[in-house]
Protein backbone atom coordinates (compact mmCIF):
# COMPACT_ATOMS: atom_id res chain seq x y z
CA MET A 1 -24.05 -50.73 -144.21
CA PHE A 2 -25.64 -53.92 -142.94
CA LEU A 3 -25.84 -54.67 -139.23
CA ILE A 4 -26.52 -57.89 -137.34
CA ARG A 5 -28.13 -57.70 -133.90
CA ASN A 6 -30.18 -59.81 -131.51
CA VAL A 7 -33.82 -60.20 -132.47
CA ARG A 8 -36.41 -58.02 -130.70
CA MET A 9 -40.15 -58.29 -130.26
CA GLU A 10 -40.56 -55.23 -132.48
CA ASP A 11 -39.17 -57.31 -135.38
CA MET A 12 -42.14 -59.70 -135.33
CA PRO A 13 -44.24 -58.12 -138.14
CA GLU A 14 -41.33 -58.24 -140.58
CA LEU A 15 -40.34 -61.74 -139.50
CA LEU A 16 -43.88 -63.01 -140.03
CA ARG A 17 -43.92 -61.52 -143.53
CA MET A 18 -40.59 -63.17 -144.29
CA ALA A 19 -41.78 -66.51 -142.91
CA LYS A 20 -44.49 -66.66 -145.57
CA THR A 21 -41.88 -66.61 -148.33
CA VAL A 22 -39.49 -69.27 -146.98
CA HIS A 23 -39.54 -72.68 -145.29
CA SER A 24 -37.76 -72.78 -141.92
CA ASN A 25 -38.49 -74.52 -138.62
CA ASN A 26 -36.96 -71.57 -136.79
CA LEU A 27 -39.08 -68.98 -138.59
CA PRO A 28 -42.73 -69.97 -138.08
CA SER A 29 -45.49 -67.99 -139.74
CA ASN A 30 -47.74 -68.31 -136.67
CA GLU A 31 -47.70 -65.19 -134.49
CA ARG A 32 -47.89 -67.02 -131.15
CA SER A 33 -45.10 -69.41 -132.14
CA MET A 34 -42.93 -66.51 -133.22
CA GLU A 35 -43.66 -64.67 -129.98
CA LYS A 36 -42.53 -67.69 -127.94
CA ILE A 37 -39.28 -67.91 -129.89
CA ILE A 38 -38.50 -64.22 -129.39
CA GLU A 39 -39.28 -64.45 -125.67
CA ARG A 40 -36.91 -67.41 -125.40
CA VAL A 41 -34.23 -65.51 -127.34
CA GLU A 42 -34.54 -62.44 -125.12
CA THR A 43 -34.07 -64.60 -122.03
CA SER A 44 -31.05 -66.29 -123.62
CA PHE A 45 -29.28 -63.06 -124.58
CA ALA A 46 -29.98 -61.70 -121.09
CA GLY A 47 -28.07 -64.66 -119.63
CA GLU A 48 -31.11 -65.94 -117.74
CA ALA A 49 -31.71 -69.24 -119.58
CA GLU A 50 -30.40 -72.70 -118.70
CA LEU A 51 -28.37 -74.61 -121.28
CA ASP A 52 -31.34 -76.65 -122.53
CA GLN A 53 -33.37 -73.48 -123.18
CA ARG A 54 -30.75 -71.21 -124.73
CA PHE A 55 -31.75 -70.13 -128.21
CA PHE A 56 -30.09 -67.21 -129.96
CA THR A 57 -31.61 -65.59 -133.05
CA PHE A 58 -29.79 -62.87 -134.96
CA VAL A 59 -31.34 -60.54 -137.52
CA LEU A 60 -29.61 -58.90 -140.46
CA MET A 61 -30.67 -55.26 -140.71
CA ASP A 62 -30.50 -53.16 -143.86
CA THR A 63 -29.78 -49.83 -142.19
CA ALA A 64 -30.47 -47.89 -145.39
CA HIS A 65 -34.22 -48.27 -144.80
CA GLY A 66 -35.87 -46.03 -142.22
CA ASP A 67 -35.36 -45.79 -138.48
CA GLY A 68 -33.56 -48.88 -137.29
CA GLY A 69 -33.52 -50.46 -140.75
CA ARG A 70 -35.33 -53.35 -142.41
CA VAL A 71 -34.99 -57.04 -141.50
CA ALA A 72 -33.18 -58.74 -144.38
CA GLY A 73 -32.49 -62.16 -142.86
CA THR A 74 -32.04 -64.29 -139.77
CA SER A 75 -29.70 -66.92 -138.34
CA ALA A 76 -29.72 -68.87 -135.09
CA ILE A 77 -27.74 -70.89 -132.56
CA ILE A 78 -29.42 -73.62 -130.52
CA ALA A 79 -27.18 -74.08 -127.49
CA ARG A 80 -28.21 -77.69 -126.90
CA ARG A 81 -29.97 -79.82 -129.49
CA GLY A 82 -30.72 -83.25 -128.01
CA THR A 83 -31.84 -84.11 -124.48
CA PRO A 84 -33.32 -87.25 -122.85
CA ASP A 85 -36.79 -85.66 -123.05
CA PHE A 86 -36.36 -84.26 -126.57
CA PRO A 87 -33.65 -86.16 -128.47
CA ARG A 88 -31.92 -85.08 -131.64
CA LEU A 89 -32.95 -87.58 -134.31
CA TYR A 90 -30.88 -88.43 -137.35
CA LEU A 91 -30.33 -91.22 -139.82
CA LYS A 92 -26.94 -92.89 -139.48
CA VAL A 93 -25.60 -93.89 -142.89
CA ARG A 94 -23.47 -97.05 -143.04
CA ARG A 95 -21.75 -98.93 -145.85
CA HIS A 96 -21.53 -102.72 -145.69
CA GLN A 97 -19.32 -104.71 -148.03
CA HIS A 98 -20.59 -108.16 -149.07
CA PHE A 99 -18.64 -110.76 -151.04
CA SER A 100 -19.56 -114.17 -152.43
CA SER A 101 -16.65 -116.57 -152.78
CA ASP A 102 -18.69 -118.84 -155.09
CA LEU A 103 -19.56 -116.01 -157.44
CA GLN A 104 -16.24 -114.24 -156.87
CA SER A 105 -18.05 -110.93 -156.80
CA GLY A 106 -19.41 -108.55 -154.24
CA GLN A 107 -21.17 -105.28 -153.65
CA VAL A 108 -21.44 -102.45 -151.17
CA GLN A 109 -24.83 -102.00 -149.55
CA LEU A 110 -25.88 -98.69 -148.02
CA THR A 111 -28.11 -98.70 -144.93
CA VAL A 112 -29.75 -96.01 -142.82
CA GLN A 113 -30.79 -96.33 -139.20
CA LEU A 114 -32.76 -93.94 -137.02
CA CYS A 115 -30.59 -92.88 -134.06
CA GLN A 116 -31.15 -90.67 -131.03
CA ASP A 117 -28.73 -88.20 -129.47
CA THR A 118 -29.73 -87.48 -125.88
CA VAL A 119 -26.39 -85.96 -124.80
CA GLY A 120 -26.73 -83.05 -127.17
CA VAL A 121 -24.70 -80.75 -129.40
CA THR A 122 -24.85 -77.07 -130.23
CA GLU A 123 -26.55 -76.52 -133.58
CA VAL A 124 -26.16 -73.59 -135.93
CA GLY A 125 -29.09 -73.10 -138.26
CA GLY A 126 -32.10 -70.96 -139.03
CA LEU A 127 -30.27 -69.07 -141.77
CA VAL A 128 -32.89 -67.30 -143.85
CA LEU A 129 -32.22 -64.51 -146.32
CA ALA A 130 -35.12 -62.51 -147.74
CA PRO A 131 -35.47 -63.07 -151.52
CA ALA A 132 -34.66 -59.43 -152.33
CA TYR A 133 -31.20 -59.80 -150.74
CA ARG A 134 -30.09 -62.98 -152.49
CA ALA A 135 -27.98 -63.43 -155.61
CA ASN A 136 -25.71 -60.40 -155.27
CA ASP A 137 -22.04 -59.79 -154.53
CA MET A 138 -22.54 -58.56 -150.94
CA ARG A 139 -22.17 -62.08 -149.43
CA LEU A 140 -24.96 -61.37 -146.95
CA GLY A 141 -25.65 -65.05 -146.33
CA SER A 142 -21.99 -65.50 -145.42
CA PHE A 143 -22.16 -62.50 -143.08
CA LEU A 144 -25.27 -63.89 -141.36
CA SER A 145 -23.67 -67.28 -140.88
CA LYS A 146 -20.16 -66.30 -139.88
CA SER A 147 -21.07 -63.57 -137.40
CA ARG A 148 -22.50 -66.26 -135.08
CA PHE A 149 -19.13 -67.90 -134.58
CA GLY A 150 -17.62 -64.76 -133.13
CA PHE A 151 -20.41 -64.84 -130.52
CA ILE A 152 -19.60 -68.49 -129.78
CA GLY A 153 -15.88 -67.74 -129.56
CA GLN A 154 -16.41 -64.95 -127.06
CA HIS A 155 -18.96 -66.92 -124.97
CA PRO A 156 -17.87 -70.59 -125.23
CA GLN A 157 -19.28 -71.39 -121.79
CA LEU A 158 -22.81 -70.96 -123.18
CA PHE A 159 -22.46 -73.85 -125.64
CA MET A 160 -21.65 -77.54 -126.00
CA ASP A 161 -18.22 -78.86 -127.00
CA ASP A 162 -19.49 -80.17 -130.36
CA VAL A 163 -21.22 -78.02 -132.97
CA VAL A 164 -23.41 -79.48 -135.72
CA ALA A 165 -24.84 -77.85 -138.82
CA GLU A 166 -27.74 -79.27 -140.83
CA VAL A 167 -27.59 -78.53 -144.54
CA MET A 168 -30.93 -78.32 -146.35
CA GLY A 169 -31.77 -81.36 -148.45
CA VAL A 170 -33.30 -81.43 -151.90
CA LEU A 171 -37.00 -80.53 -152.13
CA THR A 172 -39.38 -80.59 -155.06
CA PRO A 173 -40.77 -77.26 -156.34
CA ASP A 174 -43.95 -77.84 -154.31
CA GLY A 175 -42.00 -78.39 -151.06
CA ARG A 176 -41.95 -82.21 -150.89
CA THR A 177 -39.07 -84.66 -150.79
CA LYS A 178 -39.05 -88.05 -152.49
CA LEU A 179 -36.97 -89.48 -149.66
CA TRP A 180 -39.77 -88.91 -147.16
CA ASP A 181 -42.39 -90.04 -149.67
CA HIS A 182 -40.62 -93.39 -150.19
CA LEU A 183 -39.16 -93.94 -146.71
CA GLY A 184 -40.65 -91.96 -143.85
CA ARG A 185 -44.22 -92.08 -145.10
CA ARG A 186 -44.13 -95.90 -145.33
CA PHE A 187 -44.14 -95.92 -141.52
CA ILE A 188 -45.61 -92.52 -140.56
CA ASN A 189 -48.80 -91.54 -142.37
CA LEU A 190 -48.03 -87.83 -142.55
CA SER A 191 -46.83 -85.66 -145.41
CA TYR A 192 -43.30 -84.28 -145.24
CA GLU A 193 -44.60 -80.84 -144.23
CA GLU A 194 -46.96 -82.29 -141.59
CA ALA A 195 -44.25 -84.48 -140.08
CA ASP A 196 -41.74 -81.62 -140.13
CA VAL A 197 -44.12 -79.29 -138.30
CA PHE A 198 -45.18 -81.92 -135.76
CA SER A 199 -41.54 -82.78 -134.98
CA ARG A 200 -41.03 -79.29 -133.56
CA THR A 201 -43.04 -80.25 -130.48
CA SER A 202 -42.80 -84.08 -130.45
CA LYS A 203 -40.24 -86.75 -131.30
CA GLU A 204 -42.25 -89.61 -129.84
CA PHE A 205 -44.26 -90.28 -132.99
CA ILE A 206 -41.04 -90.83 -134.94
CA THR A 207 -39.31 -93.07 -132.40
CA SER A 208 -42.48 -95.11 -131.88
CA LEU A 209 -43.42 -95.66 -135.53
CA PHE A 210 -40.10 -95.68 -137.38
CA PRO A 211 -38.11 -98.98 -137.49
CA THR A 212 -35.21 -99.20 -135.06
CA GLY A 213 -32.99 -101.41 -137.18
CA GLU A 214 -30.94 -100.74 -140.30
CA ILE A 215 -32.86 -100.25 -143.55
CA HIS A 216 -31.20 -101.23 -146.83
CA THR A 217 -31.50 -98.29 -149.19
CA SER A 218 -31.37 -100.60 -152.22
CA LEU A 219 -35.05 -101.25 -151.48
CA LEU A 220 -35.80 -97.60 -152.26
CA PRO A 221 -36.28 -96.13 -155.75
CA ALA A 222 -33.14 -94.59 -157.23
CA ALA A 223 -34.75 -91.13 -157.08
CA ALA A 224 -35.03 -91.46 -153.30
CA ARG A 225 -31.62 -93.09 -152.76
CA LYS A 226 -29.74 -90.26 -154.41
CA LEU A 227 -31.21 -87.76 -151.94
CA ILE A 228 -29.48 -89.37 -148.94
CA GLY A 229 -26.77 -86.92 -147.95
CA ALA A 230 -27.52 -84.58 -150.86
CA ALA A 231 -27.73 -80.82 -150.34
CA SER A 232 -30.02 -78.53 -152.29
CA ASP A 233 -28.35 -76.38 -154.93
CA ASP A 234 -29.12 -73.27 -152.89
CA ALA A 235 -27.28 -74.76 -149.88
CA ILE A 236 -24.07 -75.75 -151.67
CA PRO A 237 -22.29 -72.42 -150.95
CA ALA A 238 -23.12 -72.79 -147.24
CA LEU A 239 -21.87 -76.38 -147.31
CA ARG A 240 -18.53 -75.35 -148.82
CA MET A 241 -18.21 -72.50 -146.31
CA LEU A 242 -18.73 -74.89 -143.39
CA GLU A 243 -16.11 -77.25 -144.80
CA ARG A 244 -13.58 -74.41 -145.00
CA MET A 245 -14.28 -73.55 -141.37
CA GLY A 246 -13.39 -77.06 -140.23
CA PHE A 247 -16.76 -78.83 -140.26
CA GLN A 248 -16.63 -82.47 -141.39
CA HIS A 249 -19.15 -84.91 -142.85
CA VAL A 250 -20.10 -87.55 -140.26
CA ASP A 251 -22.46 -89.87 -142.21
CA GLU A 252 -25.51 -88.45 -140.49
CA VAL A 253 -28.49 -87.09 -142.44
CA ASP A 254 -31.80 -85.49 -141.65
CA PRO A 255 -34.58 -88.11 -141.40
CA PHE A 256 -37.02 -85.87 -143.26
CA ASP A 257 -35.20 -84.46 -146.29
CA GLY A 258 -31.93 -86.41 -146.21
CA GLY A 259 -29.75 -83.29 -146.01
CA PRO A 260 -26.27 -83.91 -144.54
CA TYR A 261 -25.15 -83.03 -141.03
CA LEU A 262 -21.66 -81.59 -140.59
CA LYS A 263 -19.92 -81.54 -137.23
CA ALA A 264 -16.94 -79.77 -135.66
CA ASP A 265 -15.18 -79.41 -132.34
CA ARG A 266 -16.34 -75.99 -131.09
CA ASP A 267 -12.87 -74.73 -130.23
CA GLU A 268 -11.35 -75.92 -133.53
CA ILE A 269 -13.73 -73.97 -135.80
CA THR A 270 -11.53 -71.42 -137.55
CA LEU A 271 -13.79 -68.45 -136.81
CA VAL A 272 -14.09 -69.45 -133.15
CA LYS A 273 -10.31 -69.83 -132.85
CA SER A 274 -9.68 -66.44 -134.45
CA SER A 275 -12.11 -64.55 -132.17
CA ARG A 276 -10.73 -62.30 -129.47
CA LEU A 277 -11.63 -59.36 -127.25
CA ILE A 278 -9.96 -56.08 -128.13
CA SER A 279 -10.35 -52.37 -127.40
CA LEU A 280 -11.35 -49.71 -129.90
CA ALA A 281 -8.33 -47.48 -130.60
CA GLY A 282 -10.19 -45.07 -132.87
CA CYS A 283 -11.81 -44.51 -136.24
CA LYS A 284 -10.40 -43.75 -139.66
CA GLU A 285 -11.11 -44.47 -143.30
CA LEU A 286 -9.88 -47.94 -144.21
CA THR A 287 -9.94 -50.32 -147.15
CA GLY A 288 -8.75 -53.86 -147.70
CA GLU A 289 -9.31 -57.03 -145.70
CA GLU A 290 -12.57 -57.15 -143.76
CA GLY A 291 -13.28 -58.71 -140.39
CA TYR A 292 -16.24 -59.14 -138.05
CA VAL A 293 -16.50 -56.66 -135.20
CA ASN A 294 -19.13 -56.90 -132.49
CA VAL A 295 -20.18 -55.56 -129.14
CA SER A 296 -21.78 -58.07 -126.79
CA ARG A 297 -23.24 -57.59 -123.35
CA PRO A 298 -26.29 -59.03 -121.55
CA GLY A 299 -29.37 -58.48 -123.69
CA HIS A 300 -27.43 -56.70 -126.42
CA PHE A 301 -25.48 -57.85 -129.49
CA ARG A 302 -24.46 -55.87 -132.55
CA CYS A 303 -22.05 -56.91 -135.30
CA VAL A 304 -20.69 -55.37 -138.51
CA ARG A 305 -18.36 -56.58 -141.24
CA CYS A 306 -15.84 -53.90 -142.08
CA ALA A 307 -12.26 -53.08 -143.00
CA TYR A 308 -9.96 -52.86 -139.99
CA GLU A 309 -6.44 -52.15 -138.79
CA LEU A 310 -4.82 -53.89 -135.85
CA ASP A 311 -2.43 -52.05 -133.56
CA GLY A 312 -1.29 -54.56 -130.97
CA ASP A 313 -4.23 -55.07 -128.63
CA ALA A 314 -6.19 -52.19 -130.15
CA LEU A 315 -8.38 -51.97 -133.23
CA TRP A 316 -9.11 -49.23 -135.75
CA ILE A 317 -12.37 -49.33 -137.72
CA PRO A 318 -14.30 -46.89 -139.98
CA SER A 319 -16.44 -44.32 -138.20
CA GLU A 320 -19.60 -45.67 -139.84
CA ALA A 321 -18.91 -49.09 -138.29
CA ALA A 322 -18.45 -47.53 -134.85
CA ASP A 323 -21.72 -45.63 -135.27
CA ARG A 324 -23.59 -48.81 -136.18
CA LEU A 325 -22.09 -50.60 -133.18
CA GLU A 326 -22.84 -47.58 -130.94
CA VAL A 327 -19.36 -47.71 -129.40
CA ALA A 328 -16.70 -45.17 -128.44
CA VAL A 329 -12.90 -45.16 -128.18
CA GLY A 330 -11.74 -47.45 -125.39
CA ASP A 331 -14.79 -49.73 -125.48
CA GLU A 332 -14.19 -53.47 -125.50
CA LEU A 333 -15.13 -55.18 -128.76
CA GLY A 334 -15.22 -58.69 -130.10
CA PHE A 335 -13.08 -59.14 -133.21
CA THR A 336 -13.03 -62.11 -135.59
CA ARG A 337 -10.61 -62.45 -138.48
CA ASP A 338 -11.95 -64.61 -141.29
CA VAL A 339 -8.80 -66.67 -141.77
CA ALA A 340 -10.42 -69.22 -144.09
CA ARG A 341 -11.80 -66.50 -146.34
CA VAL A 342 -8.45 -64.73 -146.55
CA ARG A 343 -6.75 -68.01 -147.42
CA ALA A 344 -9.35 -68.80 -150.10
CA ASP A 345 -8.98 -65.33 -151.62
CA ARG A 346 -5.20 -65.68 -151.74
CA GLU A 347 -5.43 -69.12 -153.34
CA SER A 348 -7.89 -67.74 -155.91
CA GLN A 349 -5.54 -64.84 -156.71
CA ALA A 350 -2.62 -67.24 -157.05
CA SER A 351 -4.67 -69.46 -159.37
CA ASP A 352 -5.69 -66.46 -161.49
CA SER A 353 -2.08 -65.40 -161.71
CA VAL A 354 -1.01 -68.85 -162.92
CA SER A 355 -3.85 -69.15 -165.42
CA THR A 356 -3.10 -65.80 -167.02
């Protein structure tokens, strides 16, 4: 069984090894940077961090490997992305319609403009799955992503009213993006990787050097234009999952790789709405529909995906799930029913039935 829990300092060696195989702002390969992140996460889970400093990182543990298991992936929640001192930067995409009465013809022009969000939103991100755990039928990436929303649903006071998700844009095999090469680098003489790394600690260089007005994308090569709002092939499943949960496209893209931002009202996200607190009635062998069950208290979070049975305000789960959660009968649990997944499965079954 796989378990998700809050990151610990003891996870650092495995996280550093994983960081060398993937590209993620929230998973640096530098030991000191990783240490700072984990320290910040520990303070956040303990309930001792202010809104601007709250950062929650979750690790997916393969419990079949040794004492405590092996780290198989990570995901994160940034409680507030965007402040007056450290704004959230994005490119606003606009469409302008032009028409010539003399020519009796017109066209739609696309523009992008660098914008700053200083009020802030909660951002879900940092989803990284180790290569060995990808491309299988266990839906581990889905588990990593969705388990966070139960935490948000049970602790809404820790987060902003709006939640945003950045979907990875399209990169070349060597880790570049033609959008940055043809747009960002015209104004900022840094490579995509250099600018991405520097933006973790400074936004000033972007706001000072990048134009403030609208830029017509027709001035860019077609290869760069088509990357605006495009998600990488690997990120398409995550994009569709977010859409099913109630996230919507808002014509905002990442200024580095052009990946789309999706946004949702925190309390309208399906997994947040379906989260509740419930007591453990007992354990028994179960099959069928699975849900997300967690135990959350200061400095401690554990979550499993398992079959369940509801009995009023009480919950039955398999004994293995209770063991992984380290809970006993009568303990209070967080429970999240994946309504969107159940609906999608039913629609797929209905479609299969019709097609056959």
